[in-house]
C-alpha atoms as a PDB file:
ATOM      1  CA  MET A   1      -9.055  18.385 -18.413  1.00  0.00           C
ATOM      2  CA  ALA A   2      -7.302  15.247 -19.675  1.00  0.00           C
ATOM      3  CA  ILE A   3      -4.829  13.818 -17.153  1.00  0.00           C
ATOM      4  CA  THR A   4      -2.478  11.002 -18.202  1.00  0.00           C
ATOM      5  CA  PHE A   5      -0.712   8.874 -15.608  1.00  0.00           C
ATOM      6  CA  GLN A   6       0.284   5.270 -14.971  1.00  0.00           C
ATOM      7  CA  VAL A   7      -1.902   3.193 -12.649  1.00  0.00           C
ATOM      8  CA  ASN A   8      -0.533  -0.183 -11.608  1.00  0.00           C
ATOM      9  CA  GLY A   9       1.729  -0.193 -14.647  1.00  0.00           C
ATOM     10  CA  VAL A  10      -0.931   0.775 -17.196  1.00  0.00           C
ATOM     11  CA  GLU A  11      -1.059   4.204 -18.800  1.00  0.00           C
ATOM     12  CA  ARG A  12      -4.456   5.813 -18.269  1.00  0.00           C
ATOM     13  CA  THR A  13      -5.940   9.082 -19.445  1.00  0.00           C
ATOM     14  CA  LEU A  14      -8.946  10.540 -17.679  1.00  0.00           C
ATOM     15  CA  ASP A  15     -11.006  13.512 -18.797  1.00  0.00           C
ATOM     16  CA  ILE A  16     -11.712  14.836 -15.325  1.00  0.00           C
ATOM     17  CA  ASP A  17     -11.648  18.065 -13.311  1.00  0.00           C
ATOM     18  CA  ASP A  18      -8.024  18.633 -12.346  1.00  0.00           C
ATOM     19  CA  ASP A  19      -8.927  19.216  -8.687  1.00  0.00           C
ATOM     20  CA  THR A  20     -10.736  15.873  -8.316  1.00  0.00           C
ATOM     21  CA  PRO A  21      -9.099  13.882  -5.514  1.00  0.00           C
ATOM     22  CA  LEU A  22      -7.080  10.945  -6.794  1.00  0.00           C
ATOM     23  CA  LEU A  23      -9.131   8.663  -4.534  1.00  0.00           C
ATOM     24  CA  TRP A  24     -12.329   9.353  -6.453  1.00  0.00           C
ATOM     25  CA  ALA A  25     -10.624   9.038  -9.824  1.00  0.00           C
ATOM     26  CA  LEU A  26      -9.334   5.601  -8.782  1.00  0.00           C
ATOM     27  CA  ARG A  27     -12.599   4.393  -7.270  1.00  0.00           C
ATOM     28  CA  ASP A  28     -15.240   6.021  -9.485  1.00  0.00           C
ATOM     29  CA  GLU A  29     -13.514   6.341 -12.842  1.00  0.00           C
ATOM     30  CA  LEU A  30     -11.151   3.341 -12.822  1.00  0.00           C
ATOM     31  CA  GLU A  31     -13.184   1.074 -10.500  1.00  0.00           C
ATOM     32  CA  LEU A  32     -10.153   0.321  -8.322  1.00  0.00           C
ATOM     33  CA  THR A  33     -12.066   0.067  -5.063  1.00  0.00           C
ATOM     34  CA  GLY A  34      -9.334  -1.388  -2.855  1.00  0.00           C
ATOM     35  CA  THR A  35      -8.303   2.130  -1.859  1.00  0.00           C
ATOM     36  CA  LYS A  36     -10.772   3.242   0.807  1.00  0.00           C
ATOM     37  CA  PHE A  37     -12.310   6.553   1.834  1.00  0.00           C
ATOM     38  CA  GLY A  38     -11.846   7.029   5.550  1.00  0.00           C
ATOM     39  CA  CYS A  39     -11.775  10.635   6.692  1.00  0.00           C
ATOM     40  CA  GLY A  40     -11.324  12.778   3.585  1.00  0.00           C
ATOM     41  CA  MET A  41      -8.969  15.025   5.566  1.00  0.00           C
ATOM     42  CA  ASN A  42      -5.511  13.404   5.274  1.00  0.00           C
ATOM     43  CA  ARG A  43      -5.699  11.995   8.790  1.00  0.00           C
ATOM     44  CA  CYS A  44      -6.449   8.268   8.797  1.00  0.00           C
ATOM     45  CA  GLY A  45      -4.443   6.695   5.954  1.00  0.00           C
ATOM     46  CA  SER A  46      -7.147   4.366   4.598  1.00  0.00           C
ATOM     47  CA  CYS A  47      -6.678   5.961   1.185  1.00  0.00           C
ATOM     48  CA  THR A  48      -2.894   5.462   1.019  1.00  0.00           C
ATOM     49  CA  VAL A  49      -1.437   4.711  -2.413  1.00  0.00           C
ATOM     50  CA  HIS A  50       2.063   5.089  -3.832  1.00  0.00           C
ATOM     51  CA  VAL A  51       2.906   7.938  -6.187  1.00  0.00           C
ATOM     52  CA  ASP A  52       6.289   7.318  -7.777  1.00  0.00           C
ATOM     53  CA  GLY A  53       7.043   4.953  -4.881  1.00  0.00           C
ATOM     54  CA  THR A  54       6.078   7.328  -2.074  1.00  0.00           C
ATOM     55  CA  ALA A  55       3.047   6.702   0.138  1.00  0.00           C
ATOM     56  CA  ARG A  56       0.491   9.465  -0.391  1.00  0.00           C
ATOM     57  CA  ARG A  57      -3.018  10.130   0.899  1.00  0.00           C
ATOM     58  CA  SER A  58      -5.223   9.989  -2.177  1.00  0.00           C
ATOM     59  CA  CYS A  59      -8.254  11.617  -0.524  1.00  0.00           C
ATOM     60  CA  VAL A  60      -6.624  15.067  -0.611  1.00  0.00           C
ATOM     61  CA  LEU A  61      -4.276  14.673  -3.580  1.00  0.00           C
ATOM     62  CA  PRO A  62      -5.665  16.418  -6.676  1.00  0.00           C
ATOM     63  CA  ILE A  63      -5.524  14.247  -9.784  1.00  0.00           C
ATOM     64  CA  SER A  64      -3.549  17.031 -11.506  1.00  0.00           C
ATOM     65  CA  ARG A  65      -0.627  16.306  -9.147  1.00  0.00           C
ATOM     66  CA  VAL A  66      -0.180  12.785 -10.567  1.00  0.00           C
ATOM     67  CA  ALA A  67      -0.010  13.779 -14.232  1.00  0.00           C
ATOM     68  CA  ASP A  68       2.842  11.862 -15.881  1.00  0.00           C
ATOM     69  CA  LYS A  69       3.520   9.952 -12.642  1.00  0.00           C
ATOM     70  CA  SER A  70       3.157   6.351 -11.572  1.00  0.00           C
ATOM     71  CA  VAL A  71       0.413   5.416  -9.094  1.00  0.00           C
ATOM     72  CA  THR A  72       0.289   2.033  -7.380  1.00  0.00           C
ATOM     73  CA  THR A  73      -2.825   0.937  -5.520  1.00  0.00           C
ATOM     74  CA  ILE A  74      -3.324  -2.133  -3.351  1.00  0.00           C
ATOM     75  CA  GLU A  75      -4.521  -3.919  -6.503  1.00  0.00           C
ATOM     76  CA  GLY A  76      -1.151  -3.195  -8.123  1.00  0.00           C
ATOM     77  CA  LEU A  77       1.052  -4.228  -5.209  1.00  0.00           C
ATOM     78  CA  SER A  78       1.038  -7.750  -6.645  1.00  0.00           C
ATOM     79  CA  THR A  79      -0.888  -9.418  -9.426  1.00  0.00           C
ATOM     80  CA  ASP A  80      -2.049 -12.386  -7.359  1.00  0.00           C
ATOM     81  CA  GLY A  81      -2.152 -11.023  -3.806  1.00  0.00           C
ATOM     82  CA  ASP A  82       1.160 -12.765  -3.169  1.00  0.00           C
ATOM     83  CA  HIS A  83       3.249  -9.825  -1.996  1.00  0.00           C
ATOM     84  CA  PRO A  84       5.006 -10.840   1.248  1.00  0.00           C
ATOM     85  CA  LEU A  85       3.041  -8.180   3.137  1.00  0.00           C
ATOM     86  CA  GLN A  86      -0.274  -9.500   1.847  1.00  0.00           C
ATOM     87  CA  ILE A  87       0.707 -13.049   2.779  1.00  0.00           C
ATOM     88  CA  ALA A  88       1.924 -11.977   6.228  1.00  0.00           C
ATOM     89  CA  TRP A  89      -1.294 -10.026   6.817  1.00  0.00           C
ATOM     90  CA  GLN A  90      -3.241 -13.236   6.205  1.00  0.00           C
ATOM     91  CA  GLU A  91      -0.897 -15.486   8.220  1.00  0.00           C
ATOM     92  CA  ILE A  92      -1.010 -13.175  11.251  1.00  0.00           C
ATOM     93  CA  SER A  93      -4.761 -12.467  10.830  1.00  0.00           C
ATOM     94  CA  VAL A  94      -4.118  -8.736  10.988  1.00  0.00           C
ATOM     95  CA  PRO A  95      -7.508  -7.448   9.825  1.00  0.00           C
ATOM     96  CA  GLN A  96     -10.391  -7.210  12.205  1.00  0.00           C
ATOM     97  CA  CYS A  97     -12.889  -5.133  10.246  1.00  0.00           C
ATOM     98  CA  GLY A  98     -10.311  -4.754   7.458  1.00  0.00           C
ATOM     99  CA  TYR A  99     -11.331  -1.285   6.347  1.00  0.00           C
ATOM    100  CA  CYS A 100      -7.963   0.424   6.889  1.00  0.00           C
ATOM    101  CA  GLN A 101      -5.823  -2.519   5.875  1.00  0.00           C
ATOM    102  CA  ALA A 102      -5.116  -1.591   2.247  1.00  0.00           C
ATOM    103  CA  GLY A 103      -3.730   1.729   3.458  1.00  0.00           C
ATOM    104  CA  GLN A 104      -1.777  -0.022   6.204  1.00  0.00           C
ATOM    105  CA  ILE A 105      -0.219  -2.430   3.703  1.00  0.00           C
ATOM    106  CA  MET A 106       0.695   0.351   1.275  1.00  0.00           C
ATOM    107  CA  LYS A 107       2.353   2.347   4.058  1.00  0.00           C
ATOM    108  CA  ALA A 108       4.197  -0.790   5.233  1.00  0.00           C
ATOM    109  CA  ALA A 109       5.382  -1.445   1.654  1.00  0.00           C
ATOM    110  CA  GLU A 110       6.915   2.024   1.544  1.00  0.00           C
ATOM    111  CA  LEU A 111       8.652   1.354   4.877  1.00  0.00           C
ATOM    112  CA  LEU A 112      10.127  -1.957   3.714  1.00  0.00           C
ATOM    113  CA  SER A 113      11.361  -0.427   0.454  1.00  0.00           C
ATOM    114  CA  SER A 114      13.547   1.990   2.429  1.00  0.00           C
ATOM    115  CA  THR A 115      14.145  -0.027   5.617  1.00  0.00           C
ATOM    116  CA  PRO A 116      14.334  -3.746   4.782  1.00  0.00           C
ATOM    117  CA  GLU A 117      15.006  -4.803   8.394  1.00  0.00           C
ATOM    118  CA  PRO A 118      12.921  -2.394  10.482  1.00  0.00           C
ATOM    119  CA  THR A 119      13.001  -2.291  14.268  1.00  0.00           C
ATOM    120  CA  ASP A 120       9.840  -1.995  16.332  1.00  0.00           C
ATOM    121  CA  ASP A 121      10.578   1.717  16.650  1.00  0.00           C
ATOM    122  CA  ASP A 122      10.998   2.053  12.867  1.00  0.00           C
ATOM    123  CA  ILE A 123       7.645   0.364  12.331  1.00  0.00           C
ATOM    124  CA  ASP A 124       5.867   2.356  15.013  1.00  0.00           C
ATOM    125  CA  THR A 125       7.203   5.634  13.631  1.00  0.00           C
ATOM    126  CA  ALA A 126       6.364   4.817  10.013  1.00  0.00           C
ATOM    127  CA  MET A 127       2.927   3.397  10.753  1.00  0.00           C
ATOM    128  CA  ARG A 128       1.820   5.959  13.365  1.00  0.00           C
ATOM    129  CA  PRO A 129       0.000   8.190  10.831  1.00  0.00           C
ATOM    130  CA  ASN A 130      -2.219   5.285   9.737  1.00  0.00           C
ATOM    131  CA  ILE A 131      -5.157   4.772  12.064  1.00  0.00           C
ATOM    132  CA  CYS A 132      -6.754   1.399  12.778  1.00  0.00           C
ATOM    133  CA  ARG A 133      -9.972   1.899  14.690  1.00  0.00           C
ATOM    134  CA  CYS A 134      -9.957  -1.788  15.667  1.00  0.00           C
ATOM    135  CA  GLY A 135      -6.517  -1.408  17.248  1.00  0.00           C
ATOM    136  CA  THR A 136      -4.655  -4.150  15.376  1.00  0.00           C
ATOM    137  CA  TYR A 137      -1.330  -2.327  15.745  1.00  0.00           C
ATOM    138  CA  GLN A 138       0.510  -5.232  17.411  1.00  0.00           C
ATOM    139  CA  ARG A 139      -0.523  -7.596  14.606  1.00  0.00           C
ATOM    140  CA  VAL A 140       0.451  -4.994  11.996  1.00  0.00           C
ATOM    141  CA  ARG A 141       3.923  -4.759  13.554  1.00  0.00           C
ATOM    142  CA  LYS A 142       4.288  -8.554  13.679  1.00  0.00           C
ATOM    143  CA  ALA A 143       3.167  -8.938  10.051  1.00  0.00           C
ATOM    144  CA  ILE A 144       5.692  -6.324   8.922  1.00  0.00           C
ATOM    145  CA  HIS A 145       8.472  -8.243  10.673  1.00  0.00           C
ATOM    146  CA  VAL A 146       7.303 -11.498   9.051  1.00  0.00           C
ATOM    147  CA  ALA A 147       7.188  -9.885   5.607  1.00  0.00           C
ATOM    148  CA  ALA A 148      10.604  -8.271   6.107  1.00  0.00           C
ATOM    149  CA  ALA A 149      12.103 -11.646   7.009  1.00  0.00           C
ATOM    150  CA  GLU A 150      10.537 -13.255   3.951  1.00  0.00           C
ATOM    151  CA  MET A 151      11.707 -10.461   1.672  1.00  0.00           C
ATOM    152  CA  SER A 152      15.280 -10.742   2.984  1.00  0.00           C
ATOM    153  CA  LYS A 153      15.624 -14.366   1.930  1.00  0.00           C
ATOM    154  CA  ALA A 154      17.846 -14.942  -1.072  1.00  0.00           C
ATOM    155  CA  PRO A 155      16.093 -15.775  -4.342  1.00  0.00           C
ATOM    156  CA  GLY A 156      15.279 -19.461  -4.469  1.00  0.00           C
ATOM    157  CA  GLN A 157      15.206 -19.718  -0.686  1.00  0.00           C
ATOM    158  CA  ALA A 158      11.730 -18.308  -0.110  1.00  0.00           C
ATOM    159  CA  ASP A 159      10.458 -21.888   0.307  1.00  0.00           C
ATOM    160  CA  GLY A 160      12.934 -22.604   3.089  1.00  0.00           C
ATOM    161  CA  THR A 161      15.372 -24.706   1.065  1.00  0.00           C
ATOM    162  CA  ALA A 162      19.044 -23.943   0.946  1.00  0.00           C
ATOM    163  CA  ALA A 163      20.558 -22.736  -2.282  1.00  0.00           C
ATOM    164  CA  GLY A 164      21.129 -25.667  -4.606  1.00  0.00           C
ATOM    165  CA  GLU A 165      18.695 -28.022  -2.849  1.00  0.00           C
ATOM    166  CA  VAL A 166      15.789 -29.528  -4.711  1.00  0.00           C
END
C-alpha cells in the first residue's frame, strides 16, 4: 500500500505494508537511523518521534496511522544539530551510552513546546516514560532547564548581548 506523509518537512511516499511500524519505515526505507529500536513494546521511548507535533512511540505506530501527517525525527529537529536541546545535551554531557538520547530529546522538545519554563516536577512527569538505562536523569533535567532558558531569550539576545548592542 502506498502511504504518503511528510518526514522532516519533505513529502515522502512509501509502498509498504500498512501495518509496518513507523520505526522500521524510517530506519529501513528512509535510512533515518537516529530513531532507535529499544524495546519494541512502547515502554522505553528510544523510538520517540513527533507526529503532528506530538511525541509518539514509532516502534508500535503503524505507518498507516501517519498517512497525510507530519513526522519529525531527531534528524529533523534542526538542520545543523543546533537546536537548544541538542546544544544543552552536549554542554551538560548528558549521554553516557547515548542510545536513548534521541528519544529523550524528542520528548523534551514536546515538553518545551507546551511548557516553555518547566519546573523540576514538570520535567520529571513529562520525561518519566522515557527510560535511560545509564541513569542520566539528573543531567537530562539540567539540560532541559538550560535549553528552556536559552529558548526564552528574546531574538538577537541568544549570544548574551542586550538588544541593540553590537
